[in-house]
Amino acid sequence: MTQATSSSGGSARTGRHRPADGRRPVSHILADFSVTGHRIDARGARRGVEYGGRHRTPHRRGGYIAMQIAFAINLAGNAIGAAGFPIFVLDSTGDLALTGWIVTVSMVGSIITGVVAGPLIDRAGLRVSWIFSIVVGTTLTALTYVLFVSGVLAPWLLLGISFLRNSADEPGRVATFGLLPTLAKQAGHSLESANATLRSMNALATIFGPMVAGGIVAAFGSPWVLVVDAAAGGLAAVIVIVFLAVPGSAAAEKGRTAADLRTYRQQFVVAVRFFRYDKLLLSLIITTTILATLDSAVGTIGLTGYASDILDDAAWYGGLVSAFGIGSLIGTITYGVIGARLPRRATYLAAYLGFAAMLLLLTVQVHVAAALAIMVVGGIMISPIDLLYLQVLQERVPERIFGSVTSIVTTIVSGPGPVGVAMLTWLLGAAGTRTTFVVIGCCYLLIAVVLFFVRPLHRLKRPRFDDAQPTQPIMIGTLTR
């Protein structure tokens, strides 16, 4: 398909293949969501996002560099603010229970936004959504500081601002990774390298953010973490507004058709049905949901029990988590350097097998040094899984529905986490720590073995111009009803 067709008339080809009931196949709907320079094949992959292909254009790195700088500055401010905010709440109110409620309400705000904001992100556009997220978050953070200094920051007001502040973050996260493929391609960088760069920034912020926040609190007081957070957000917003131009965005807006202006409900339903349409994406979502559920359980209550029962000191929990974080950072950087040359399916399966082996090794020794080394290697082994999953989302989901699809996927993947923690807590009490880790390691091993026989994973490769057509057409009436 070489041109987006309108919902009213369409091309001669569209009319020739339109069914008798007047409904349109999904391949034609997805054409309505295409963006200049990114043609979408019938399975949803963005055509033309062939990094390192034969058809090269002059590299323009300004937008990509601006995005990285803005992302790093905003991320640093958020990391410092997130680490110091509970201390600020406790210092300003003296109420530990309120601190806990604010953390809970903030998490709820992020989840709600993840569910409902997707179609709104698509309507506004990724760049506008990122700017909105930064500006709203910065304004609310600055407002919190002003109200505190003025002495009118009531607990209920602090609770409401915290809810809104965290609700504004999710559109920015979605928009950032939605913009990345276009900007990385324009700059001549592989998507593996671009994703790994942002993920490495996240890892570094997680490691050093609390340290910097602690230093600011000790030197100047907890309210100053709000000042640093707001200042970083303001600077990042200026960089995005002034220096970040997304190629093709203006042409895409001029070329919007009536099909782009669907109702909120229609666009939401189209995004949900997209999963069933793309078998590879559906397989990765299911697998990633299981992995995230196991990870959340092992990374919290699992490693706590291991440190207490196997290493005989619960204080080693922090060391195990830090070792895993260091390994993840090393693995992310390494994948960013060599990932573009690795076979995707083999890498994905090897990561599961390797991590399963590391968990099983934890059950056969009791030495702290060995456990820390295993956690480092485990972090290295598992890091490609998340990067490959994100990369498939970026390559296969059309940009016009990227916000809707990604927001829903994020909610699906993170939703079962509390259930996994509860189940692992029960298993630890019923079977003991060593047996529990054997069970968890076997679960990862079983996932890896099953994935060998999942046929859609054979399409876990770079999108190509000759991708096959879907095996069964899905009509527009099916998508939007």
Protein backbone atom coordinates (compact mmCIF):
# COMPACT_ATOMS: atom_id res chain seq x y z
CA MET A 1 0.00 0.00 0.00
CA THR A 2 1.48 3.30 -0.99
CA GLN A 3 -1.07 5.79 0.25
CA ALA A 4 -3.42 6.16 3.19
CA THR A 5 -7.03 5.79 2.10
CA SER A 6 -9.90 7.78 3.49
CA SER A 7 -12.85 6.11 5.17
CA SER A 8 -15.36 7.68 2.80
CA GLY A 9 -14.10 6.75 -0.66
CA GLY A 10 -10.72 5.05 -0.70
CA SER A 11 -8.65 4.04 -3.66
CA ALA A 12 -9.80 1.91 -6.53
CA ARG A 13 -8.03 -1.02 -4.98
CA THR A 14 -9.73 -0.49 -1.64
CA GLY A 15 -13.13 -0.36 -3.30
CA ARG A 16 -12.38 -3.48 -5.32
CA HIS A 17 -11.55 -5.51 -2.21
CA ARG A 18 -14.26 -4.08 0.05
CA PRO A 19 -16.58 -6.87 1.27
CA ALA A 20 -20.24 -6.88 0.37
CA ASP A 21 -21.24 -5.66 3.85
CA GLY A 22 -19.19 -2.49 3.39
CA ARG A 23 -16.74 -3.23 6.21
CA ARG A 24 -13.03 -2.63 5.66
CA PRO A 25 -10.16 -5.04 6.44
CA VAL A 26 -7.73 -4.14 9.20
CA SER A 27 -4.91 -3.76 6.66
CA HIS A 28 -6.83 -0.78 5.27
CA ILE A 29 -7.56 0.61 8.73
CA LEU A 30 -3.86 0.48 9.62
CA ALA A 31 -3.12 2.45 6.47
CA ASP A 32 -5.18 5.26 7.98
CA PHE A 33 -2.85 5.25 10.97
CA SER A 34 0.37 5.36 8.94
CA VAL A 35 2.77 8.27 9.26
CA THR A 36 4.84 9.75 6.47
CA GLY A 37 7.99 7.66 6.09
CA HIS A 38 6.54 4.67 8.03
CA ARG A 39 4.37 2.45 5.87
CA ILE A 40 2.72 -0.31 7.80
CA ASP A 41 2.56 -3.89 6.57
CA ALA A 42 -0.51 -6.08 7.01
CA ARG A 43 0.67 -7.44 10.33
CA GLY A 44 1.26 -4.01 11.78
CA ALA A 45 5.02 -3.67 11.38
CA ARG A 46 6.25 -0.21 10.40
CA ARG A 47 7.58 -0.49 6.91
CA GLY A 48 10.66 1.49 6.21
CA VAL A 49 12.07 1.13 9.72
CA GLU A 50 14.88 -1.03 8.39
CA TYR A 51 17.90 0.14 10.34
CA GLY A 52 21.14 -0.21 8.47
CA GLY A 53 19.32 -1.01 5.19
CA ARG A 54 20.51 -0.31 1.69
CA HIS A 55 18.60 2.95 1.26
CA ARG A 56 20.33 5.50 3.43
CA THR A 57 19.59 9.17 3.90
CA PRO A 58 21.89 11.87 5.28
CA HIS A 59 22.00 11.61 9.06
CA ARG A 60 20.47 14.44 11.06
CA ARG A 61 21.36 13.95 14.71
CA GLY A 62 20.01 17.17 16.22
CA GLY A 63 16.61 15.82 17.21
CA TYR A 64 18.04 12.58 18.61
CA ILE A 65 20.65 14.41 20.68
CA ALA A 66 18.05 16.90 21.96
CA MET A 67 15.81 14.03 22.98
CA GLN A 68 18.61 12.26 24.86
CA ILE A 69 19.62 15.42 26.71
CA ALA A 70 16.03 16.32 27.63
CA PHE A 71 15.32 12.75 28.72
CA ALA A 72 18.46 12.59 30.87
CA ILE A 73 17.78 15.94 32.59
CA ASN A 74 14.13 15.19 33.25
CA LEU A 75 14.96 11.66 34.43
CA ALA A 76 17.60 12.96 36.86
CA GLY A 77 15.11 15.41 38.34
CA ASN A 78 12.42 12.75 38.63
CA ALA A 79 14.80 10.29 40.29
CA ILE A 80 15.88 12.86 42.87
CA GLY A 81 12.31 13.98 43.44
CA ALA A 82 10.93 10.45 43.75
CA ALA A 83 13.60 9.48 46.29
CA GLY A 84 13.30 12.66 48.34
CA PHE A 85 9.53 13.21 48.19
CA PRO A 86 8.62 10.69 50.95
CA ILE A 87 11.17 12.40 53.20
CA PHE A 88 9.63 15.79 52.37
CA VAL A 89 6.15 14.50 53.21
CA LEU A 90 7.32 13.06 56.52
CA ASP A 91 9.23 16.23 57.43
CA SER A 92 6.39 18.58 56.48
CA THR A 93 3.52 16.61 58.04
CA GLY A 94 5.14 14.35 60.62
CA ASP A 95 2.62 11.69 59.61
CA LEU A 96 4.10 8.37 58.50
CA ALA A 97 0.66 6.99 57.59
CA LEU A 98 0.06 9.94 55.24
CA THR A 99 3.38 9.20 53.56
CA GLY A 100 2.23 5.66 52.88
CA TRP A 101 -1.12 6.86 51.53
CA ILE A 102 0.57 9.30 49.18
CA VAL A 103 2.80 6.57 47.77
CA THR A 104 -0.26 4.35 47.25
CA VAL A 105 -2.33 7.10 45.64
CA SER A 106 0.58 7.97 43.35
CA MET A 107 0.79 4.37 42.12
CA VAL A 108 -2.97 4.31 41.52
CA GLY A 109 -2.70 7.52 39.50
CA SER A 110 -0.07 5.98 37.23
CA ILE A 111 -2.17 2.85 36.67
CA ILE A 112 -5.33 4.82 35.86
CA THR A 113 -3.49 7.05 33.42
CA GLY A 114 -1.94 4.01 31.77
CA VAL A 115 -5.40 2.59 31.10
CA VAL A 116 -7.24 5.68 29.86
CA ALA A 117 -4.62 8.02 28.39
CA GLY A 118 -3.56 6.00 25.34
CA PRO A 119 -6.11 7.31 22.81
CA LEU A 120 -5.53 10.86 24.08
CA ILE A 121 -1.79 10.47 23.46
CA ASP A 122 -2.49 9.35 19.91
CA ARG A 123 -4.80 12.29 19.24
CA ALA A 124 -2.39 14.88 20.62
CA GLY A 125 0.73 13.33 19.09
CA LEU A 126 3.82 11.91 20.80
CA ARG A 127 5.86 15.13 20.94
CA VAL A 128 2.95 17.18 22.32
CA SER A 129 2.19 14.45 24.86
CA TRP A 130 5.77 14.45 26.11
CA ILE A 131 5.77 18.24 26.44
CA PHE A 132 2.43 18.10 28.27
CA SER A 133 3.75 15.47 30.67
CA ILE A 134 6.91 17.44 31.51
CA VAL A 135 5.15 20.82 31.85
CA VAL A 136 2.31 19.51 34.03
CA GLY A 137 4.68 17.54 36.26
CA THR A 138 7.03 20.49 36.64
CA THR A 139 4.19 22.90 37.39
CA LEU A 140 2.69 20.64 40.07
CA THR A 141 6.08 20.08 41.68
CA ALA A 142 6.75 23.82 41.78
CA LEU A 143 3.24 24.41 43.14
CA THR A 144 3.90 21.98 45.96
CA TYR A 145 7.00 23.92 46.97
CA VAL A 146 5.23 27.29 46.76
CA LEU A 147 2.30 26.08 48.87
CA PHE A 148 4.73 24.62 51.43
CA VAL A 149 6.70 27.86 51.71
CA SER A 150 3.42 29.78 52.01
CA GLY A 151 2.32 27.51 54.86
CA VAL A 152 -0.94 26.44 53.19
CA LEU A 153 -0.01 22.91 52.05
CA ALA A 154 -2.81 20.94 53.71
CA PRO A 155 -2.54 17.11 53.78
CA TRP A 156 -5.55 16.66 51.49
CA LEU A 157 -4.01 19.10 49.01
CA LEU A 158 -0.69 17.28 49.11
CA LEU A 159 -2.53 14.01 48.45
CA GLY A 160 -4.36 15.44 45.44
CA ILE A 161 -1.27 17.06 43.92
CA SER A 162 0.68 13.80 44.31
CA PHE A 163 -2.07 11.92 42.48
CA LEU A 164 -2.07 14.38 39.59
CA ARG A 165 1.73 14.59 39.49
CA ASN A 166 2.19 10.85 39.01
CA SER A 167 -0.74 10.64 36.62
CA ALA A 168 1.06 13.10 34.33
CA ASP A 169 4.20 10.95 34.12
CA GLU A 170 2.79 8.02 32.14
CA PRO A 171 2.05 9.90 28.87
CA GLY A 172 5.64 11.15 28.86
CA ARG A 173 7.07 7.65 29.24
CA VAL A 174 4.93 6.29 26.42
CA ALA A 175 5.69 9.24 24.15
CA THR A 176 9.44 9.02 24.72
CA PHE A 177 9.75 5.45 23.52
CA GLY A 178 7.28 6.09 20.72
CA LEU A 179 9.41 8.93 19.35
CA LEU A 180 12.65 6.99 19.62
CA PRO A 181 12.49 4.84 16.43
CA THR A 182 12.01 7.82 14.09
CA LEU A 183 14.69 9.96 15.74
CA ALA A 184 17.20 7.10 16.00
CA LYS A 185 16.72 6.18 12.34
CA GLN A 186 17.14 9.83 11.33
CA ALA A 187 20.41 10.00 13.30
CA GLY A 188 21.72 6.73 11.86
CA HIS A 189 21.59 4.77 15.13
CA SER A 190 20.25 1.25 15.51
CA LEU A 191 17.12 0.83 17.60
CA GLU A 192 19.03 -1.58 19.85
CA SER A 193 21.56 1.12 20.67
CA ALA A 194 18.93 3.84 21.13
CA ASN A 195 16.79 1.78 23.51
CA ALA A 196 19.83 0.59 25.45
CA THR A 197 20.98 4.19 25.92
CA LEU A 198 17.69 5.26 27.51
CA ARG A 199 17.49 2.10 29.60
CA SER A 200 21.04 2.67 30.83
CA MET A 201 20.06 6.19 31.86
CA ASN A 202 17.17 4.72 33.82
CA ALA A 203 19.48 2.28 35.56
CA LEU A 204 21.98 5.00 36.48
CA ALA A 205 19.19 7.24 37.78
CA THR A 206 17.91 4.39 39.94
CA ILE A 207 21.38 3.87 41.41
CA PHE A 208 22.47 7.46 41.92
CA GLY A 209 19.14 9.31 42.32
CA PRO A 210 18.61 8.27 45.97
CA MET A 211 22.23 9.12 46.78
CA VAL A 212 21.94 12.64 45.38
CA ALA A 213 18.56 13.13 47.04
CA GLY A 214 20.04 12.10 50.38
CA GLY A 215 22.89 14.58 49.96
CA ILE A 216 20.47 17.42 49.11
CA VAL A 217 18.27 16.62 52.11
CA ALA A 218 21.27 16.50 54.43
CA ALA A 219 22.79 19.74 53.13
CA PHE A 220 19.77 21.95 52.38
CA GLY A 221 16.63 20.23 53.67
CA SER A 222 13.99 18.05 52.05
CA PRO A 223 12.01 20.88 50.32
CA TRP A 224 14.99 21.49 48.03
CA VAL A 225 14.48 18.15 46.27
CA LEU A 226 11.28 19.70 44.89
CA VAL A 227 13.23 22.71 43.65
CA VAL A 228 15.78 20.49 41.87
CA ASP A 229 13.02 18.33 40.37
CA ALA A 230 11.07 21.36 39.09
CA ALA A 231 14.19 23.05 37.70
CA ALA A 232 15.24 19.92 35.83
CA GLY A 233 11.75 19.51 34.39
CA GLY A 234 11.62 23.13 33.27
CA LEU A 235 14.97 22.85 31.49
CA ALA A 236 13.94 19.59 29.82
CA ALA A 237 10.68 21.16 28.61
CA VAL A 238 12.56 24.09 27.03
CA ILE A 239 14.90 21.69 25.20
CA VAL A 240 12.01 19.61 23.83
CA ILE A 241 9.98 22.66 22.75
CA VAL A 242 12.87 24.52 21.12
CA PHE A 243 15.19 21.82 19.76
CA LEU A 244 13.15 18.64 19.25
CA ALA A 245 11.57 18.49 15.80
CA VAL A 246 10.05 15.15 14.81
CA PRO A 247 10.54 14.46 11.08
CA GLY A 248 7.33 13.98 9.16
CA SER A 249 5.04 15.11 12.00
CA ALA A 250 3.78 18.22 10.23
CA ALA A 251 3.02 16.31 7.06
CA ALA A 252 1.29 13.63 9.05
CA GLU A 253 -0.97 16.16 10.71
CA LYS A 254 -1.89 17.73 7.35
CA GLY A 255 -2.66 14.33 5.95
CA ARG A 256 -4.98 13.21 8.69
CA THR A 257 -8.15 11.59 7.41
CA ALA A 258 -11.59 11.20 8.89
CA ALA A 259 -10.54 7.76 10.11
CA ASP A 260 -7.95 9.39 12.38
CA LEU A 261 -10.70 11.30 14.15
CA ARG A 262 -12.42 8.26 15.61
CA THR A 263 -14.18 8.53 18.92
CA TYR A 264 -12.24 7.71 22.07
CA ARG A 265 -14.09 4.42 22.41
CA GLN A 266 -13.42 3.38 18.81
CA GLN A 267 -9.71 4.11 19.05
CA PHE A 268 -9.48 2.27 22.36
CA VAL A 269 -11.20 -0.79 20.89
CA VAL A 270 -8.99 -0.72 17.79
CA ALA A 271 -5.92 -0.78 20.07
CA VAL A 272 -7.27 -3.72 22.08
CA ARG A 273 -8.11 -5.72 18.96
CA PHE A 274 -4.66 -5.01 17.55
CA PHE A 275 -3.19 -7.56 19.97
CA ARG A 276 -5.27 -10.38 18.53
CA TYR A 277 -4.31 -9.27 15.06
CA ASP A 278 -0.54 -9.40 15.66
CA LYS A 279 0.35 -12.90 16.89
CA LEU A 280 3.99 -12.10 17.61
CA LEU A 281 3.10 -9.12 19.74
CA LEU A 282 0.43 -11.12 21.58
CA SER A 283 2.94 -13.90 22.33
CA LEU A 284 5.46 -11.42 23.72
CA ILE A 285 2.82 -9.67 25.84
CA ILE A 286 1.76 -12.96 27.44
CA THR A 287 5.35 -14.01 28.06
CA THR A 288 6.39 -10.61 29.40
CA THR A 289 3.39 -10.54 31.75
CA ILE A 290 4.43 -13.88 33.24
CA LEU A 291 8.04 -12.72 33.48
CA ALA A 292 7.08 -9.42 35.14
CA THR A 293 4.90 -11.27 37.65
CA LEU A 294 7.75 -13.61 38.58
CA ASP A 295 10.29 -10.76 38.64
CA SER A 296 8.23 -8.60 40.99
CA ALA A 297 7.86 -11.52 43.38
CA VAL A 298 11.49 -12.68 43.25
CA GLY A 299 12.89 -9.13 43.44
CA THR A 300 10.98 -8.30 46.62
CA ILE A 301 9.87 -11.06 48.97
CA GLY A 302 11.91 -13.77 47.20
CA LEU A 303 15.34 -12.21 47.63
CA THR A 304 14.41 -11.03 51.13
CA GLY A 305 13.70 -14.62 52.14
CA TYR A 306 16.86 -15.84 50.40
CA ALA A 307 19.06 -13.31 52.21
CA SER A 308 17.48 -14.16 55.56
CA ASP A 309 17.26 -17.95 55.30
CA ILE A 310 20.13 -18.95 52.98
CA LEU A 311 22.68 -16.19 53.62
CA ASP A 312 21.63 -15.88 57.29
CA ASP A 313 21.41 -12.09 57.18
CA ALA A 314 18.45 -10.13 55.76
CA ALA A 315 20.75 -7.12 55.31
CA TRP A 316 22.24 -8.85 52.26
CA TYR A 317 18.96 -8.21 50.42
CA GLY A 318 20.23 -4.76 49.44
CA GLY A 319 23.48 -6.26 48.17
CA LEU A 320 21.65 -8.84 46.04
CA VAL A 321 19.42 -6.17 44.47
CA SER A 322 22.40 -3.90 43.82
CA ALA A 323 24.37 -6.76 42.24
CA PHE A 324 21.44 -7.53 39.95
CA GLY A 325 21.14 -3.84 39.03
CA ILE A 326 24.84 -3.68 38.14
CA GLY A 327 24.47 -6.78 35.99
CA SER A 328 21.41 -5.34 34.25
CA LEU A 329 23.31 -2.14 33.48
CA ILE A 330 26.24 -4.09 32.04
CA GLY A 331 23.89 -6.26 30.01
CA THR A 332 21.96 -3.27 28.68
CA ILE A 333 25.11 -1.45 27.58
CA THR A 334 26.50 -4.63 26.00
CA TYR A 335 23.28 -5.29 24.10
CA GLY A 336 23.26 -1.71 22.89
CA VAL A 337 26.70 -2.25 21.38
CA ILE A 338 26.29 -5.71 19.81
CA GLY A 339 22.52 -6.29 19.85
CA ALA A 340 22.00 -5.24 16.23
CA ARG A 341 24.26 -8.12 15.13
CA LEU A 342 22.62 -10.82 17.28
CA PRO A 343 19.83 -13.13 16.09
CA ARG A 344 16.76 -11.94 17.99
CA ARG A 345 14.94 -15.23 18.61
CA ALA A 346 18.10 -17.05 19.75
CA THR A 347 18.98 -14.15 22.05
CA TYR A 348 15.48 -14.08 23.53
CA LEU A 349 15.44 -17.82 24.26
CA ALA A 350 19.03 -17.86 25.57
CA ALA A 351 18.18 -15.07 28.02
CA TYR A 352 15.41 -17.16 29.58
CA LEU A 353 17.58 -20.27 29.74
CA GLY A 354 20.49 -18.37 31.26
CA PHE A 355 18.42 -16.67 33.92
CA ALA A 356 16.73 -19.97 34.85
CA ALA A 357 20.19 -21.52 35.31
CA MET A 358 21.26 -18.62 37.57
CA LEU A 359 18.21 -19.01 39.82
CA LEU A 360 18.79 -22.75 40.12
CA LEU A 361 22.45 -22.10 41.01
CA LEU A 362 21.33 -19.93 43.91
CA THR A 363 19.81 -23.00 45.56
CA VAL A 364 23.02 -25.07 45.68
CA GLN A 365 25.36 -22.74 47.56
CA VAL A 366 25.32 -20.53 50.67
CA HIS A 367 28.32 -18.24 50.13
CA VAL A 368 27.62 -14.51 49.92
CA ALA A 369 30.28 -13.78 47.31
CA ALA A 370 28.98 -16.52 45.03
CA ALA A 371 25.39 -15.32 45.43
CA LEU A 372 26.37 -11.76 44.52
CA ALA A 373 28.29 -12.99 41.46
CA ILE A 374 25.31 -15.06 40.34
CA MET A 375 23.03 -12.03 40.65
CA VAL A 376 25.39 -9.96 38.49
CA VAL A 377 25.43 -12.66 35.80
CA GLY A 378 21.65 -13.04 36.10
CA GLY A 379 21.17 -9.33 35.50
CA ILE A 380 23.38 -9.53 32.40
CA MET A 381 21.52 -12.56 31.06
CA ILE A 382 17.99 -11.25 31.41
CA SER A 383 18.52 -7.67 30.18
CA PRO A 384 17.91 -8.42 26.45
CA ILE A 385 14.36 -9.68 27.16
CA ASP A 386 12.93 -6.30 28.07
CA LEU A 387 14.85 -4.54 25.29
CA LEU A 388 13.60 -6.96 22.63
CA TYR A 389 10.02 -6.68 23.88
CA LEU A 390 10.18 -2.89 23.73
CA GLN A 391 11.77 -3.01 20.30
CA VAL A 392 8.99 -5.18 18.90
CA LEU A 393 6.41 -2.71 20.21
CA GLN A 394 8.22 0.17 18.53
CA GLU A 395 8.62 -1.63 15.22
CA ARG A 396 5.22 -3.29 14.86
CA VAL A 397 2.75 -0.84 16.39
CA PRO A 398 1.71 1.99 14.01
CA GLU A 399 2.64 5.38 15.40
CA ARG A 400 -0.94 6.66 15.12
CA ILE A 401 -2.08 4.10 17.75
CA PHE A 402 1.21 3.69 19.61
CA GLY A 403 -0.03 5.51 22.72
CA SER A 404 -3.23 3.45 22.96
CA VAL A 405 -1.53 0.11 22.43
CA THR A 406 1.48 0.77 24.67
CA SER A 407 -0.57 2.16 27.56
CA ILE A 408 -2.84 -0.87 27.56
CA VAL A 409 0.11 -3.26 27.28
CA THR A 410 1.90 -1.60 30.20
CA THR A 411 -1.18 -2.01 32.39
CA ILE A 412 -1.60 -5.66 31.37
CA VAL A 413 2.05 -6.48 32.06
CA SER A 414 2.22 -4.78 35.47
CA GLY A 415 -1.27 -5.75 36.69
CA PRO A 416 -0.59 -9.29 38.01
CA GLY A 417 2.48 -8.22 40.00
CA PRO A 418 0.75 -8.09 43.42
CA VAL A 419 -0.75 -11.54 42.77
CA GLY A 420 2.72 -12.94 42.13
CA VAL A 421 4.05 -11.45 45.36
CA ALA A 422 1.16 -12.95 47.33
CA MET A 423 1.61 -16.40 45.77
CA LEU A 424 5.37 -16.42 46.37
CA THR A 425 4.84 -15.33 49.97
CA TRP A 426 2.56 -18.33 50.48
CA LEU A 427 5.03 -20.68 48.78
CA LEU A 428 7.92 -19.45 50.94
CA GLY A 429 5.93 -20.19 54.08
CA ALA A 430 4.69 -23.56 52.86
CA ALA A 431 7.78 -25.02 51.18
CA GLY A 432 10.77 -23.02 52.41
CA THR A 433 13.17 -20.72 50.59
CA ARG A 434 15.37 -23.30 48.85
CA THR A 435 12.43 -25.26 47.44
CA THR A 436 10.75 -22.01 46.37
CA PHE A 437 13.76 -20.95 44.32
CA VAL A 438 13.91 -24.39 42.71
CA VAL A 439 10.26 -23.96 41.71
CA ILE A 440 10.84 -20.44 40.36
CA GLY A 441 13.94 -21.53 38.43
CA CYS A 442 11.97 -24.42 36.90
CA CYS A 443 9.21 -21.97 35.93
CA TYR A 444 11.70 -19.86 33.96
CA LEU A 445 13.15 -23.04 32.44
CA LEU A 446 9.69 -24.25 31.45
CA ILE A 447 8.91 -20.89 29.81
CA ALA A 448 12.12 -21.12 27.77
CA VAL A 449 11.31 -24.67 26.61
CA VAL A 450 7.73 -23.75 25.67
CA LEU A 451 8.93 -20.70 23.74
CA PHE A 452 10.98 -22.96 21.47
CA PHE A 453 7.67 -24.25 20.08
CA VAL A 454 5.82 -20.92 19.82
CA ARG A 455 5.58 -20.38 16.07
CA PRO A 456 5.03 -16.57 16.07
CA LEU A 457 8.46 -16.14 17.70
CA HIS A 458 10.03 -17.22 14.42
CA ARG A 459 8.99 -13.75 13.19
CA LEU A 460 11.06 -12.13 15.92
CA LYS A 461 13.28 -10.36 13.42
CA ARG A 462 13.71 -7.02 11.74
CA PRO A 463 10.62 -5.83 9.83
CA ARG A 464 11.02 -6.39 6.12
CA PHE A 465 9.25 -5.14 3.04
CA ASP A 466 8.25 -8.68 2.09
CA ASP A 467 6.52 -9.59 5.37
CA ALA A 468 3.71 -12.04 4.74
CA GLN A 469 0.07 -11.05 4.76
CA PRO A 470 -2.20 -11.96 7.69
CA THR A 471 -3.76 -15.39 7.64
CA GLN A 472 -7.30 -14.07 8.21
CA PRO A 473 -8.82 -10.63 7.54
CA ILE A 474 -10.42 -8.70 10.41
CA MET A 475 -13.05 -6.19 9.47
CA ILE A 476 -13.57 -2.68 10.74
CA GLY A 477 -16.93 -3.62 12.19
CA THR A 478 -15.19 -6.27 14.27
CA LEU A 479 -12.58 -3.77 15.49
CA THR A 480 -14.84 -0.92 16.51
CA ARG A 481 -17.92 -2.63 17.84
